[in-house]
Amino acid sequence: MSVVRLNPPKISWEPGCGVDILVVEDGAARTMWSIRSGRGENTLVPPITYGVPGGAIEEFSPQQFQHGNGYVVRLYRLKRESDGTQLGLLAGQGNFRW
């Protein structure tokens, strides 16, 4: 997982598999930004530009990062069970400091 400090930042991960949900939280687990594919599929692929949903559904509007603070990015993939139900599974996470 990497966050490139551009304006706006870019979020990337390896391997570059698709995910359904991306969440950025601060150190107190407050959501800073959240998007989902909106299709019930793992269609969000890196790189993702912070604050720009790029065809995804924005669930939580982007908040301003504070210099010196720590943040975490969490990625969730959907897994379809044999009975047709879908589970959202944590696929990875990474920490970064702004």
Protein backbone atom coordinates (compact mmCIF):
# COMPACT_ATOMS: atom_id res chain seq x y z
CA MET A 1 0.00 0.00 0.00
CA SER A 2 1.30 3.43 -0.84
CA VAL A 3 0.02 6.96 -0.70
CA VAL A 4 1.83 9.44 -2.93
CA ARG A 5 1.74 12.95 -1.52
CA LEU A 6 0.55 14.76 -4.59
CA ASN A 7 -2.20 17.35 -4.61
CA PRO A 8 -4.53 15.45 -4.43
CA PRO A 9 -2.85 12.30 -3.06
CA LYS A 10 -2.90 9.01 -4.98
CA ILE A 11 -3.56 5.67 -3.25
CA SER A 12 -2.14 2.49 -4.73
CA TRP A 13 -1.61 -1.14 -3.72
CA GLU A 14 0.06 -4.32 -4.92
CA PRO A 15 -1.02 -6.55 -6.43
CA GLY A 16 -3.33 -4.23 -8.31
CA CYS A 17 -6.44 -6.37 -7.83
CA GLY A 18 -9.86 -4.77 -7.81
CA VAL A 19 -11.73 -4.01 -4.60
CA ASP A 20 -15.30 -3.00 -3.81
CA ILE A 21 -14.70 -0.53 -0.96
CA LEU A 22 -11.87 1.84 -0.06
CA VAL A 23 -11.89 3.63 3.32
CA VAL A 24 -9.41 6.16 4.70
CA GLU A 25 -9.51 6.74 8.47
CA ASP A 26 -7.56 8.88 10.90
CA GLY A 27 -5.79 7.55 14.00
CA ALA A 28 -9.04 7.71 16.01
CA ALA A 29 -10.85 5.52 13.43
CA ARG A 30 -12.86 8.50 12.11
CA THR A 31 -13.64 8.16 8.42
CA MET A 32 -11.72 10.65 6.28
CA TRP A 33 -13.09 9.38 2.94
CA SER A 34 -14.96 6.31 1.72
CA ILE A 35 -15.97 5.04 -1.72
CA ARG A 36 -17.54 1.85 -3.07
CA SER A 37 -17.93 0.46 -6.56
CA GLY A 38 -21.72 0.69 -6.45
CA ARG A 39 -21.96 -2.38 -8.68
CA GLY A 40 -21.51 -5.10 -6.10
CA GLU A 41 -18.26 -6.02 -7.82
CA ASN A 42 -14.54 -5.57 -7.18
CA THR A 43 -14.04 -2.86 -9.81
CA LEU A 44 -11.99 -0.23 -7.94
CA VAL A 45 -8.39 -0.55 -9.15
CA PRO A 46 -5.26 1.43 -8.31
CA PRO A 47 -4.31 4.17 -8.44
CA ILE A 48 -7.22 5.95 -6.76
CA THR A 49 -7.06 9.73 -6.42
CA TYR A 50 -8.10 10.90 -2.96
CA GLY A 51 -11.36 12.82 -3.14
CA VAL A 52 -12.10 11.84 -6.75
CA PRO A 53 -14.53 8.90 -6.85
CA GLY A 54 -13.79 8.14 -10.52
CA GLY A 55 -17.12 6.46 -11.25
CA ALA A 56 -17.48 5.02 -7.75
CA ILE A 57 -20.07 6.07 -5.18
CA GLU A 58 -18.72 8.40 -2.53
CA GLU A 59 -20.03 7.27 0.83
CA PHE A 60 -18.15 9.87 2.89
CA SER A 61 -16.80 13.17 1.54
CA PRO A 62 -13.02 13.72 1.71
CA GLN A 63 -11.66 15.47 4.78
CA GLN A 64 -8.45 17.49 4.91
CA PHE A 65 -5.34 15.64 6.11
CA GLN A 66 -3.46 17.27 8.99
CA HIS A 67 0.34 17.53 8.82
CA GLY A 68 2.03 15.03 11.14
CA ASN A 69 -1.06 12.88 11.70
CA GLY A 70 -1.28 9.17 10.95
CA TYR A 71 -3.92 7.57 8.71
CA VAL A 72 -4.94 4.11 7.56
CA VAL A 73 -6.33 2.92 4.22
CA ARG A 74 -8.50 -0.20 4.26
CA LEU A 75 -9.52 -2.18 1.18
CA TYR A 76 -12.46 -4.58 1.07
CA ARG A 77 -13.21 -7.21 -1.58
CA LEU A 78 -16.54 -8.89 -2.16
CA LYS A 79 -16.62 -12.66 -2.10
CA ARG A 80 -19.66 -14.49 -3.40
CA GLU A 81 -20.55 -17.63 -1.46
CA SER A 82 -21.96 -20.74 -3.13
CA ASP A 83 -25.44 -19.84 -1.83
CA GLY A 84 -25.25 -16.44 -3.58
CA THR A 85 -24.63 -14.28 -0.52
CA GLN A 86 -21.83 -11.74 -0.67
CA LEU A 87 -19.29 -11.11 2.05
CA GLY A 88 -17.16 -7.98 2.35
CA LEU A 89 -13.70 -9.16 3.39
CA LEU A 90 -10.76 -7.00 4.46
CA ALA A 91 -8.28 -7.44 1.61
CA GLY A 92 -5.53 -5.23 2.96
CA GLN A 93 -4.63 -2.13 4.84
CA GLY A 94 -1.75 0.28 5.09
CA ASN A 95 -0.71 3.14 7.31
CA PHE A 96 0.73 6.48 6.26
CA ARG A 97 1.69 9.76 7.91
CA TRP A 98 0.88 13.08 6.30
